[in-house]
Amino acid sequence: QMKRQCDQKLLIRMKTQCVPCSLNLKTECPAGYTKISNGTGIPDCRYYLEIKTHTLSLPGCRHNCMKEFEQPECCQGHWGPDCMGK
């Protein structure tokens, strides 16, 4: 019995919204995602603060999140919804 289904493992990465670093400690990743950065996160972004008529751009932090996803795929020589052979 040859294997017909060869699912592909995909890693989906995303970043959380940029916020003040002091507030980022409690930031959670969306449901299903795992946080892969620690503490206050990565200080590689800027967030905007609106004060009356001015908008300030301030350095902030965000977290990296990761999700493992299995994409159903047929093995070589098989196709269709049921991965049938020749």
C-alpha atoms as a PDB file:
ATOM      1  CA  GLN A   1       0.000   0.000   0.000  1.00  0.00           C
ATOM      2  CA  MET A   2       1.681   3.165  -1.245  1.00  0.00           C
ATOM      3  CA  LYS A   3       1.140   6.389   0.639  1.00  0.00           C
ATOM      4  CA  ARG A   4      -1.270   8.641  -1.233  1.00  0.00           C
ATOM      5  CA  GLN A   5      -1.417  11.658   1.054  1.00  0.00           C
ATOM      6  CA  CYS A   6       1.791  13.682   1.646  1.00  0.00           C
ATOM      7  CA  ASP A   7       0.655  16.702   3.681  1.00  0.00           C
ATOM      8  CA  GLN A   8       2.961  19.719   3.680  1.00  0.00           C
ATOM      9  CA  LYS A   9       3.817  21.384   7.000  1.00  0.00           C
ATOM     10  CA  LEU A  10       3.751  25.146   6.674  1.00  0.00           C
ATOM     11  CA  LEU A  11       4.925  27.703   9.207  1.00  0.00           C
ATOM     12  CA  ILE A  12       2.925  30.904   9.234  1.00  0.00           C
ATOM     13  CA  ARG A  13       4.612  33.861  10.912  1.00  0.00           C
ATOM     14  CA  MET A  14       3.043  37.154  11.886  1.00  0.00           C
ATOM     15  CA  LYS A  15       3.794  40.142  14.086  1.00  0.00           C
ATOM     16  CA  THR A  16       1.532  41.743  16.673  1.00  0.00           C
ATOM     17  CA  GLN A  17       0.584  45.412  16.510  1.00  0.00           C
ATOM     18  CA  CYS A  18       3.245  47.946  17.484  1.00  0.00           C
ATOM     19  CA  VAL A  19       2.669  49.343  20.993  1.00  0.00           C
ATOM     20  CA  PRO A  20       4.783  51.068  23.679  1.00  0.00           C
ATOM     21  CA  CYS A  21       7.402  48.543  24.833  1.00  0.00           C
ATOM     22  CA  SER A  22       6.282  48.859  28.473  1.00  0.00           C
ATOM     23  CA  LEU A  23       2.790  47.681  27.492  1.00  0.00           C
ATOM     24  CA  ASN A  24       3.944  44.897  25.166  1.00  0.00           C
ATOM     25  CA  LEU A  25       4.829  42.463  27.964  1.00  0.00           C
ATOM     26  CA  LYS A  26       1.167  41.418  28.224  1.00  0.00           C
ATOM     27  CA  THR A  27       0.491  41.271  24.474  1.00  0.00           C
ATOM     28  CA  GLU A  28      -0.783  37.877  23.353  1.00  0.00           C
ATOM     29  CA  CYS A  29      -0.644  36.299  19.928  1.00  0.00           C
ATOM     30  CA  PRO A  30      -3.917  35.601  18.110  1.00  0.00           C
ATOM     31  CA  ALA A  31      -5.631  32.275  18.904  1.00  0.00           C
ATOM     32  CA  GLY A  32      -3.710  29.335  17.466  1.00  0.00           C
ATOM     33  CA  TYR A  33      -0.412  31.212  17.293  1.00  0.00           C
ATOM     34  CA  THR A  34       2.593  30.709  19.586  1.00  0.00           C
ATOM     35  CA  LYS A  35       4.658  33.662  20.819  1.00  0.00           C
ATOM     36  CA  ILE A  36       8.295  33.210  19.719  1.00  0.00           C
ATOM     37  CA  SER A  37       9.685  36.459  21.108  1.00  0.00           C
ATOM     38  CA  ASN A  38      10.224  37.087  24.824  1.00  0.00           C
ATOM     39  CA  GLY A  39       9.656  39.848  27.357  1.00  0.00           C
ATOM     40  CA  THR A  40       8.727  43.160  25.786  1.00  0.00           C
ATOM     41  CA  GLY A  41       9.284  41.775  22.283  1.00  0.00           C
ATOM     42  CA  ILE A  42      11.273  43.226  19.398  1.00  0.00           C
ATOM     43  CA  PRO A  43      11.860  47.002  19.382  1.00  0.00           C
ATOM     44  CA  ASP A  44      11.710  47.291  15.576  1.00  0.00           C
ATOM     45  CA  CYS A  45       8.643  49.428  14.934  1.00  0.00           C
ATOM     46  CA  ARG A  46       6.990  52.771  15.514  1.00  0.00           C
ATOM     47  CA  TYR A  47       3.502  53.561  16.769  1.00  0.00           C
ATOM     48  CA  TYR A  48       1.567  56.799  16.441  1.00  0.00           C
ATOM     49  CA  LEU A  49       0.145  58.921  19.194  1.00  0.00           C
ATOM     50  CA  GLU A  50      -2.343  61.651  18.329  1.00  0.00           C
ATOM     51  CA  ILE A  51      -2.303  64.696  20.591  1.00  0.00           C
ATOM     52  CA  LYS A  52      -4.848  67.331  19.602  1.00  0.00           C
ATOM     53  CA  THR A  53      -3.565  68.513  16.211  1.00  0.00           C
ATOM     54  CA  HIS A  54      -0.247  66.648  16.195  1.00  0.00           C
ATOM     55  CA  THR A  55       0.665  63.032  15.525  1.00  0.00           C
ATOM     56  CA  LEU A  56       3.795  61.734  17.206  1.00  0.00           C
ATOM     57  CA  SER A  57       5.723  58.767  15.892  1.00  0.00           C
ATOM     58  CA  LEU A  58       7.318  56.882  18.799  1.00  0.00           C
ATOM     59  CA  PRO A  59       9.555  53.799  18.940  1.00  0.00           C
ATOM     60  CA  GLY A  60       7.665  50.716  20.074  1.00  0.00           C
ATOM     61  CA  CYS A  61       7.784  46.944  20.371  1.00  0.00           C
ATOM     62  CA  ARG A  62       5.914  44.001  18.886  1.00  0.00           C
ATOM     63  CA  HIS A  63       5.997  40.224  19.209  1.00  0.00           C
ATOM     64  CA  ASN A  64       6.677  37.552  16.619  1.00  0.00           C
ATOM     65  CA  CYS A  65       4.073  34.797  16.495  1.00  0.00           C
ATOM     66  CA  MET A  66       4.139  31.472  14.693  1.00  0.00           C
ATOM     67  CA  LYS A  67       1.549  28.876  13.710  1.00  0.00           C
ATOM     68  CA  GLU A  68       2.107  25.421  12.267  1.00  0.00           C
ATOM     69  CA  PHE A  69      -0.344  24.541   9.539  1.00  0.00           C
ATOM     70  CA  GLU A  70      -0.740  21.283   7.634  1.00  0.00           C
ATOM     71  CA  GLN A  71      -1.726  21.700   4.035  1.00  0.00           C
ATOM     72  CA  PRO A  72      -3.262  18.543   2.591  1.00  0.00           C
ATOM     73  CA  GLU A  73      -1.360  17.445  -0.490  1.00  0.00           C
ATOM     74  CA  CYS A  74      -1.222  14.299  -2.583  1.00  0.00           C
ATOM     75  CA  CYS A  75       2.004  12.344  -3.008  1.00  0.00           C
ATOM     76  CA  GLN A  76       3.675  12.274  -6.439  1.00  0.00           C
ATOM     77  CA  GLY A  77       1.608  10.338  -8.996  1.00  0.00           C
ATOM     78  CA  HIS A  78      -1.656  10.898  -7.072  1.00  0.00           C
ATOM     79  CA  TRP A  79      -4.258  13.611  -7.504  1.00  0.00           C
ATOM     80  CA  GLY A  80      -7.808  14.673  -6.899  1.00  0.00           C
ATOM     81  CA  PRO A  81      -9.758  15.144  -3.663  1.00  0.00           C
ATOM     82  CA  ASP A  82      -9.067  11.516  -2.596  1.00  0.00           C
ATOM     83  CA  CYS A  83      -5.452  11.406  -3.875  1.00  0.00           C
ATOM     84  CA  MET A  84      -6.210   8.524  -6.236  1.00  0.00           C
ATOM     85  CA  GLY A  85      -3.440   7.066  -8.393  1.00  0.00           C
ATOM     86  CA  LYS A  86      -3.216   6.425 -12.123  1.00  0.00           C
END
